[in-house]
Amino acid sequence: MKSDQIPDQDHIARYCSFRRLSDDGQPEPTAFMLKPARPAEPPEESLSVNWLEYLECPDRTSKIAEIRRIYRETFDVGAQAKIAILNVGEVCDKVRTESPDRRILQVLHDPIVTKDPSHSGIYNLRQNDRVIAELIVETVLESYSAR
């Protein structure tokens, strides 16, 4: 259901464009920062992710295949883009215990019903939140090609 808290034991996937990867192809902190606000658009409220367990696929391989399908149907997927996998509890715990302001993140289900029912968001981020992004990138468990 929309706005449900994703359980700590579950996992999320984050699309990381080529511009947000290091020279060795791993996600950079910028992959976990809100897009800069633009004059004609409201600022982002959350960092877009996908809830893997929501997909109800039998294993990680099929979950990644399903995420790739959702991405292809939703936007142009870059040839060198990656999918970063994170554990919800690890992300929230790391940020809460190691950020200067003891930030409490919320990872909430936020489906785009017709195209992306697993869509979710990481909330309580702020613009130019580099310290929080650096903590989040330290929790990346795995990364896969987005194509």
N, C-alpha and C. Protein backbone atom coordinates (compact mmCIF):
# COMPACT_ATOMS: atom_id res chain seq x y z
N MET A 1 0.85 -1.18 0.00
CA MET A 1 0.00 0.00 0.00
C MET A 1 0.89 1.25 0.00
N LYS A 2 0.44 2.29 -0.65
CA LYS A 2 1.21 3.53 -0.74
C LYS A 2 1.54 4.07 0.66
N SER A 3 2.77 4.49 0.80
CA SER A 3 3.31 5.08 2.02
C SER A 3 3.57 4.07 3.13
N ASP A 4 3.48 2.79 2.84
CA ASP A 4 3.88 1.79 3.83
C ASP A 4 5.39 1.85 4.03
N GLN A 5 5.81 1.70 5.27
CA GLN A 5 7.23 1.61 5.60
C GLN A 5 7.75 0.27 5.07
N ILE A 6 8.87 0.30 4.37
CA ILE A 6 9.46 -0.95 3.88
C ILE A 6 10.22 -1.59 5.05
N PRO A 7 10.03 -2.87 5.28
CA PRO A 7 10.69 -3.54 6.41
C PRO A 7 12.21 -3.48 6.35
N ASP A 8 12.82 -3.38 7.51
CA ASP A 8 14.29 -3.28 7.60
C ASP A 8 15.01 -4.43 6.93
N GLN A 9 14.44 -5.62 6.93
CA GLN A 9 15.13 -6.77 6.36
C GLN A 9 15.06 -6.78 4.83
N ASP A 10 14.23 -5.94 4.23
CA ASP A 10 14.05 -5.94 2.78
C ASP A 10 15.12 -5.10 2.08
N HIS A 11 15.10 -5.17 0.76
CA HIS A 11 16.13 -4.54 -0.06
C HIS A 11 15.52 -3.57 -1.06
N ILE A 12 16.31 -2.59 -1.43
CA ILE A 12 15.90 -1.62 -2.44
C ILE A 12 16.97 -1.53 -3.51
N ALA A 13 16.55 -1.12 -4.70
CA ALA A 13 17.45 -0.94 -5.84
C ALA A 13 17.42 0.52 -6.24
N ARG A 14 18.59 1.05 -6.56
CA ARG A 14 18.71 2.44 -7.01
C ARG A 14 19.38 2.46 -8.37
N TYR A 15 18.75 3.14 -9.34
CA TYR A 15 19.35 3.33 -10.65
C TYR A 15 20.47 4.36 -10.54
N CYS A 16 21.63 4.02 -11.07
CA CYS A 16 22.80 4.92 -11.03
C CYS A 16 23.28 5.14 -12.45
N SER A 17 23.09 6.34 -12.95
CA SER A 17 23.53 6.65 -14.31
C SER A 17 25.06 6.65 -14.38
N PHE A 18 25.57 6.55 -15.60
CA PHE A 18 27.02 6.54 -15.83
C PHE A 18 27.70 7.74 -15.17
N ARG A 19 27.04 8.89 -15.18
CA ARG A 19 27.63 10.10 -14.58
C ARG A 19 27.76 9.99 -13.06
N ARG A 20 27.07 9.03 -12.47
CA ARG A 20 27.08 8.86 -11.01
C ARG A 20 27.90 7.65 -10.57
N LEU A 21 28.80 7.19 -11.47
CA LEU A 21 29.65 6.05 -11.17
C LEU A 21 31.11 6.47 -11.12
N SER A 22 31.89 5.78 -10.30
CA SER A 22 33.33 6.02 -10.23
C SER A 22 34.00 5.41 -11.46
N ASP A 23 35.30 5.65 -11.61
CA ASP A 23 36.04 5.10 -12.74
C ASP A 23 35.99 3.58 -12.79
N ASP A 24 35.85 2.94 -11.63
CA ASP A 24 35.76 1.47 -11.61
C ASP A 24 34.31 0.97 -11.70
N GLY A 25 33.38 1.87 -12.01
CA GLY A 25 32.00 1.48 -12.26
C GLY A 25 31.13 1.31 -11.03
N GLN A 26 31.59 1.77 -9.87
CA GLN A 26 30.81 1.65 -8.65
C GLN A 26 30.06 2.96 -8.38
N PRO A 27 28.89 2.88 -7.73
CA PRO A 27 28.12 4.09 -7.46
C PRO A 27 28.89 5.10 -6.60
N GLU A 28 28.78 6.34 -6.99
CA GLU A 28 29.35 7.47 -6.24
C GLU A 28 28.28 8.03 -5.29
N PRO A 29 28.68 8.80 -4.29
CA PRO A 29 27.68 9.43 -3.41
C PRO A 29 26.64 10.26 -4.17
N THR A 30 27.03 10.86 -5.29
CA THR A 30 26.08 11.68 -6.05
C THR A 30 24.88 10.87 -6.53
N ALA A 31 25.02 9.55 -6.63
CA ALA A 31 23.89 8.70 -7.03
C ALA A 31 22.81 8.65 -5.95
N PHE A 32 23.15 9.11 -4.76
CA PHE A 32 22.22 9.05 -3.63
C PHE A 32 21.88 10.44 -3.11
N MET A 33 21.94 11.41 -4.02
CA MET A 33 21.56 12.79 -3.68
C MET A 33 20.35 13.19 -4.50
N LEU A 34 19.50 14.03 -3.90
CA LEU A 34 18.34 14.55 -4.62
C LEU A 34 18.81 15.41 -5.78
N LYS A 35 18.02 15.40 -6.86
CA LYS A 35 18.35 16.26 -8.00
C LYS A 35 18.22 17.71 -7.56
N PRO A 36 19.06 18.59 -8.10
CA PRO A 36 18.94 20.01 -7.77
C PRO A 36 17.56 20.54 -8.18
N ALA A 37 17.03 21.42 -7.36
CA ALA A 37 15.73 22.03 -7.66
C ALA A 37 15.83 22.87 -8.93
N ARG A 38 14.77 22.82 -9.73
CA ARG A 38 14.71 23.60 -10.96
C ARG A 38 13.58 24.60 -10.84
N PRO A 39 13.71 25.77 -11.47
CA PRO A 39 12.70 26.82 -11.32
C PRO A 39 11.27 26.38 -11.67
N ALA A 40 11.10 25.58 -12.71
CA ALA A 40 9.75 25.23 -13.15
C ALA A 40 9.21 23.96 -12.48
N GLU A 41 10.00 23.33 -11.64
CA GLU A 41 9.60 22.07 -11.02
C GLU A 41 9.72 22.15 -9.50
N PRO A 42 8.85 21.45 -8.79
CA PRO A 42 9.01 21.40 -7.33
C PRO A 42 10.25 20.56 -6.98
N PRO A 43 10.87 20.81 -5.84
CA PRO A 43 12.03 20.00 -5.45
C PRO A 43 11.61 18.56 -5.17
N GLU A 44 12.54 17.65 -5.39
CA GLU A 44 12.26 16.24 -5.10
C GLU A 44 11.99 16.07 -3.61
N GLU A 45 11.02 15.21 -3.30
CA GLU A 45 10.70 14.91 -1.90
C GLU A 45 11.44 13.69 -1.41
N SER A 46 11.84 12.83 -2.34
CA SER A 46 12.49 11.59 -1.95
C SER A 46 13.43 11.12 -3.04
N LEU A 47 14.29 10.18 -2.66
CA LEU A 47 15.20 9.55 -3.60
C LEU A 47 14.50 8.30 -4.14
N SER A 48 14.34 8.22 -5.43
CA SER A 48 13.60 7.15 -6.07
C SER A 48 14.37 5.82 -5.99
N VAL A 49 13.69 4.78 -5.52
CA VAL A 49 14.24 3.43 -5.43
C VAL A 49 13.13 2.44 -5.77
N ASN A 50 13.49 1.17 -5.86
CA ASN A 50 12.51 0.10 -6.07
C ASN A 50 12.64 -0.93 -4.96
N TRP A 51 11.51 -1.40 -4.47
CA TRP A 51 11.43 -2.37 -3.39
C TRP A 51 11.50 -3.77 -4.01
N LEU A 52 12.61 -4.46 -3.79
CA LEU A 52 12.82 -5.75 -4.45
C LEU A 52 11.85 -6.83 -3.98
N GLU A 53 11.62 -6.95 -2.71
CA GLU A 53 10.74 -8.00 -2.20
C GLU A 53 9.29 -7.82 -2.67
N TYR A 54 8.90 -6.61 -2.95
CA TYR A 54 7.55 -6.36 -3.47
C TYR A 54 7.32 -7.11 -4.78
N LEU A 55 8.37 -7.31 -5.54
CA LEU A 55 8.26 -7.95 -6.85
C LEU A 55 7.87 -9.42 -6.76
N GLU A 56 8.05 -10.03 -5.60
CA GLU A 56 7.69 -11.44 -5.37
C GLU A 56 8.33 -12.38 -6.38
N CYS A 57 9.56 -12.11 -6.75
CA CYS A 57 10.32 -13.00 -7.62
C CYS A 57 11.07 -14.00 -6.74
N PRO A 58 11.34 -15.19 -7.27
CA PRO A 58 11.92 -16.25 -6.44
C PRO A 58 13.38 -16.05 -6.02
N ASP A 59 14.13 -15.24 -6.76
CA ASP A 59 15.55 -15.09 -6.42
C ASP A 59 16.07 -13.74 -6.91
N ARG A 60 17.31 -13.43 -6.53
CA ARG A 60 17.89 -12.13 -6.87
C ARG A 60 17.99 -11.94 -8.38
N THR A 61 18.38 -12.98 -9.10
CA THR A 61 18.53 -12.88 -10.55
C THR A 61 17.22 -12.45 -11.21
N SER A 62 16.12 -13.06 -10.82
CA SER A 62 14.83 -12.70 -11.42
C SER A 62 14.36 -11.32 -10.96
N LYS A 63 14.71 -10.92 -9.73
CA LYS A 63 14.37 -9.57 -9.27
C LYS A 63 15.10 -8.52 -10.10
N ILE A 64 16.38 -8.75 -10.37
CA ILE A 64 17.16 -7.80 -11.17
C ILE A 64 16.60 -7.76 -12.60
N ALA A 65 16.23 -8.90 -13.14
CA ALA A 65 15.64 -8.93 -14.49
C ALA A 65 14.34 -8.11 -14.52
N GLU A 66 13.53 -8.23 -13.48
CA GLU A 66 12.28 -7.48 -13.41
C GLU A 66 12.54 -5.97 -13.26
N ILE A 67 13.52 -5.60 -12.45
CA ILE A 67 13.88 -4.18 -12.31
C ILE A 67 14.35 -3.62 -13.66
N ARG A 68 15.16 -4.39 -14.37
CA ARG A 68 15.61 -3.95 -15.70
C ARG A 68 14.42 -3.73 -16.63
N ARG A 69 13.44 -4.63 -16.59
CA ARG A 69 12.25 -4.48 -17.43
C ARG A 69 11.48 -3.21 -17.07
N ILE A 70 11.31 -2.97 -15.78
CA ILE A 70 10.62 -1.76 -15.32
C ILE A 70 11.36 -0.52 -15.79
N TYR A 71 12.67 -0.52 -15.63
CA TYR A 71 13.46 0.64 -16.08
C TYR A 71 13.27 0.87 -17.58
N ARG A 72 13.37 -0.18 -18.39
CA ARG A 72 13.23 -0.03 -19.84
C ARG A 72 11.88 0.56 -20.22
N GLU A 73 10.84 0.19 -19.49
CA GLU A 73 9.50 0.70 -19.79
C GLU A 73 9.25 2.10 -19.25
N THR A 74 10.11 2.55 -18.33
CA THR A 74 9.88 3.82 -17.66
C THR A 74 10.76 4.95 -18.20
N PHE A 75 12.00 4.65 -18.57
CA PHE A 75 12.92 5.68 -19.04
C PHE A 75 14.02 5.05 -19.88
N ASP A 76 14.85 5.91 -20.50
CA ASP A 76 15.99 5.43 -21.28
C ASP A 76 17.09 4.97 -20.33
N VAL A 77 17.50 3.73 -20.47
CA VAL A 77 18.52 3.15 -19.60
C VAL A 77 19.87 3.29 -20.29
N GLY A 78 20.80 3.96 -19.61
CA GLY A 78 22.13 4.15 -20.16
C GLY A 78 22.90 2.85 -20.29
N ALA A 79 23.74 2.77 -21.31
CA ALA A 79 24.50 1.55 -21.58
C ALA A 79 25.42 1.16 -20.43
N GLN A 80 25.94 2.12 -19.71
CA GLN A 80 26.88 1.81 -18.63
C GLN A 80 26.27 2.01 -17.24
N ALA A 81 24.98 2.27 -17.18
CA ALA A 81 24.32 2.50 -15.89
C ALA A 81 24.32 1.23 -15.05
N LYS A 82 24.18 1.42 -13.75
CA LYS A 82 24.18 0.31 -12.79
C LYS A 82 22.93 0.36 -11.92
N ILE A 83 22.65 -0.78 -11.33
CA ILE A 83 21.62 -0.91 -10.31
C ILE A 83 22.35 -1.21 -9.00
N ALA A 84 22.20 -0.33 -8.02
CA ALA A 84 22.81 -0.55 -6.70
C ALA A 84 21.77 -1.18 -5.79
N ILE A 85 22.18 -2.21 -5.05
CA ILE A 85 21.29 -2.91 -4.13
C ILE A 85 21.69 -2.56 -2.70
N LEU A 86 20.68 -2.19 -1.90
CA LEU A 86 20.91 -1.81 -0.50
C LEU A 86 19.91 -2.52 0.40
N ASN A 87 20.28 -2.75 1.63
CA ASN A 87 19.38 -3.27 2.64
C ASN A 87 18.79 -2.08 3.39
N VAL A 88 17.48 -2.04 3.53
CA VAL A 88 16.79 -0.90 4.14
C VAL A 88 17.29 -0.64 5.56
N GLY A 89 17.34 -1.67 6.39
CA GLY A 89 17.77 -1.51 7.78
C GLY A 89 19.19 -1.01 7.90
N GLU A 90 20.09 -1.53 7.06
CA GLU A 90 21.49 -1.08 7.10
C GLU A 90 21.62 0.39 6.72
N VAL A 91 20.90 0.81 5.69
CA VAL A 91 20.93 2.22 5.28
C VAL A 91 20.46 3.11 6.42
N CYS A 92 19.29 2.80 6.95
CA CYS A 92 18.70 3.65 8.00
C CYS A 92 19.56 3.66 9.26
N ASP A 93 20.08 2.51 9.64
CA ASP A 93 20.91 2.42 10.85
C ASP A 93 22.21 3.19 10.69
N LYS A 94 22.86 3.03 9.54
CA LYS A 94 24.14 3.73 9.31
C LYS A 94 23.95 5.24 9.36
N VAL A 95 22.91 5.73 8.71
CA VAL A 95 22.67 7.18 8.68
C VAL A 95 22.30 7.67 10.08
N ARG A 96 21.44 6.92 10.78
CA ARG A 96 21.01 7.33 12.13
C ARG A 96 22.19 7.36 13.11
N THR A 97 23.07 6.39 13.03
CA THR A 97 24.16 6.31 14.01
C THR A 97 25.41 7.10 13.64
N GLU A 98 25.60 7.39 12.34
CA GLU A 98 26.86 8.02 11.94
C GLU A 98 26.71 9.43 11.37
N SER A 99 25.51 9.89 11.10
CA SER A 99 25.37 11.25 10.58
C SER A 99 25.47 12.26 11.72
N PRO A 100 25.99 13.43 11.44
CA PRO A 100 26.14 14.44 12.49
C PRO A 100 24.83 14.81 13.19
N ASP A 101 23.71 14.77 12.44
CA ASP A 101 22.43 15.15 13.03
C ASP A 101 21.57 13.95 13.42
N ARG A 102 22.16 12.73 13.38
CA ARG A 102 21.44 11.50 13.74
C ARG A 102 20.14 11.37 12.95
N ARG A 103 20.27 11.62 11.65
CA ARG A 103 19.13 11.67 10.74
C ARG A 103 18.33 10.37 10.74
N ILE A 104 17.04 10.49 10.79
CA ILE A 104 16.13 9.35 10.69
C ILE A 104 15.56 9.34 9.27
N LEU A 105 15.99 8.37 8.47
CA LEU A 105 15.45 8.22 7.13
C LEU A 105 14.22 7.34 7.17
N GLN A 106 13.34 7.55 6.23
CA GLN A 106 12.19 6.67 6.06
C GLN A 106 12.24 6.13 4.64
N VAL A 107 12.04 4.84 4.50
CA VAL A 107 11.97 4.22 3.17
C VAL A 107 10.54 3.73 3.02
N LEU A 108 9.81 4.42 2.14
CA LEU A 108 8.37 4.21 2.00
C LEU A 108 7.99 3.74 0.61
N HIS A 109 7.02 2.84 0.55
CA HIS A 109 6.47 2.39 -0.73
C HIS A 109 5.72 3.56 -1.35
N ASP A 110 6.01 3.85 -2.60
CA ASP A 110 5.41 4.99 -3.30
C ASP A 110 5.18 4.58 -4.76
N PRO A 111 4.24 3.65 -4.99
CA PRO A 111 4.11 3.05 -6.32
C PRO A 111 3.63 4.01 -7.40
N ILE A 112 4.18 3.79 -8.57
CA ILE A 112 3.68 4.41 -9.79
C ILE A 112 2.89 3.26 -10.44
N VAL A 113 1.62 3.20 -10.14
CA VAL A 113 0.81 2.00 -10.31
C VAL A 113 0.91 1.37 -11.70
N THR A 114 0.73 2.12 -12.74
CA THR A 114 0.66 1.51 -14.06
C THR A 114 2.01 1.00 -14.56
N LYS A 115 3.06 1.71 -14.24
CA LYS A 115 4.37 1.34 -14.78
C LYS A 115 5.30 0.70 -13.75
N ASP A 116 5.18 1.10 -12.51
CA ASP A 116 6.19 0.69 -11.54
C ASP A 116 5.59 0.49 -10.15
N PRO A 117 4.94 -0.64 -9.92
CA PRO A 117 4.30 -0.87 -8.62
C PRO A 117 5.30 -1.05 -7.47
N SER A 118 6.56 -1.31 -7.77
CA SER A 118 7.55 -1.47 -6.71
C SER A 118 8.24 -0.15 -6.36
N HIS A 119 7.89 0.92 -7.06
CA HIS A 119 8.55 2.21 -6.82
C HIS A 119 8.38 2.63 -5.36
N SER A 120 9.45 3.15 -4.82
CA SER A 120 9.48 3.58 -3.42
C SER A 120 10.39 4.80 -3.32
N GLY A 121 10.53 5.33 -2.11
CA GLY A 121 11.37 6.50 -1.93
C GLY A 121 12.07 6.50 -0.59
N ILE A 122 13.26 7.08 -0.58
CA ILE A 122 13.97 7.34 0.67
C ILE A 122 13.66 8.79 1.04
N TYR A 123 13.01 8.98 2.17
CA TYR A 123 12.57 10.31 2.61
C TYR A 123 13.42 10.84 3.75
N ASN A 124 13.36 12.15 3.92
CA ASN A 124 14.08 12.92 4.93
C ASN A 124 15.50 13.24 4.49
N LEU A 125 15.69 13.29 3.19
CA LEU A 125 16.95 13.78 2.63
C LEU A 125 16.77 15.26 2.34
N ARG A 126 17.87 15.95 2.20
CA ARG A 126 17.84 17.38 1.89
C ARG A 126 18.70 17.66 0.67
N GLN A 127 18.45 18.77 0.03
CA GLN A 127 19.28 19.16 -1.11
C GLN A 127 20.75 19.27 -0.68
N ASN A 128 21.64 18.85 -1.55
CA ASN A 128 23.09 18.93 -1.32
C ASN A 128 23.53 18.21 -0.04
N ASP A 129 22.92 17.08 0.24
CA ASP A 129 23.19 16.30 1.45
C ASP A 129 24.34 15.31 1.22
N ARG A 130 25.52 15.82 0.95
CA ARG A 130 26.66 14.97 0.58
C ARG A 130 27.04 14.01 1.71
N VAL A 131 27.03 14.45 2.94
CA VAL A 131 27.42 13.58 4.07
C VAL A 131 26.50 12.37 4.14
N ILE A 132 25.21 12.58 4.01
CA ILE A 132 24.24 11.47 4.06
C ILE A 132 24.46 10.56 2.85
N ALA A 133 24.67 11.13 1.68
CA ALA A 133 24.91 10.33 0.48
C ALA A 133 26.17 9.47 0.62
N GLU A 134 27.20 10.01 1.24
CA GLU A 134 28.43 9.24 1.46
C GLU A 134 28.18 8.06 2.40
N LEU A 135 27.34 8.25 3.40
CA LEU A 135 27.00 7.15 4.30
C LEU A 135 26.17 6.09 3.56
N ILE A 136 25.22 6.53 2.76
CA ILE A 136 24.39 5.58 2.03
C ILE A 136 25.23 4.75 1.07
N VAL A 137 26.14 5.38 0.34
CA VAL A 137 26.93 4.62 -0.65
C VAL A 137 27.79 3.56 0.04
N GLU A 138 28.15 3.77 1.29
CA GLU A 138 28.93 2.77 2.03
C GLU A 138 28.12 1.51 2.31
N THR A 139 26.80 1.57 2.18
CA THR A 139 25.96 0.41 2.46
C THR A 139 25.58 -0.38 1.21
N VAL A 140 26.07 0.02 0.04
CA VAL A 140 25.75 -0.71 -1.18
C VAL A 140 26.26 -2.14 -1.06
N LEU A 141 25.36 -3.09 -1.23
CA LEU A 141 25.71 -4.51 -1.10
C LEU A 141 26.24 -5.09 -2.39
N GLU A 142 25.60 -4.73 -3.49
CA GLU A 142 25.93 -5.28 -4.80
C GLU A 142 25.56 -4.26 -5.86
N SER A 143 26.14 -4.42 -7.04
CA SER A 143 25.69 -3.61 -8.17
C SER A 143 25.67 -4.48 -9.42
N TYR A 144 24.73 -4.15 -10.30
CA TYR A 144 24.51 -4.91 -11.52
C TYR A 144 24.37 -3.93 -12.68
N SER A 145 24.64 -4.42 -13.88
CA SER A 145 24.37 -3.62 -15.06
C SER A 145 22.87 -3.34 -15.12
N ALA A 146 22.51 -2.12 -15.50
CA ALA A 146 21.09 -1.75 -15.58
C ALA A 146 20.45 -2.23 -16.88
N ARG A 147 21.24 -2.72 -17.80
CA ARG A 147 20.69 -3.25 -19.08
C ARG A 147 20.70 -4.76 -19.09
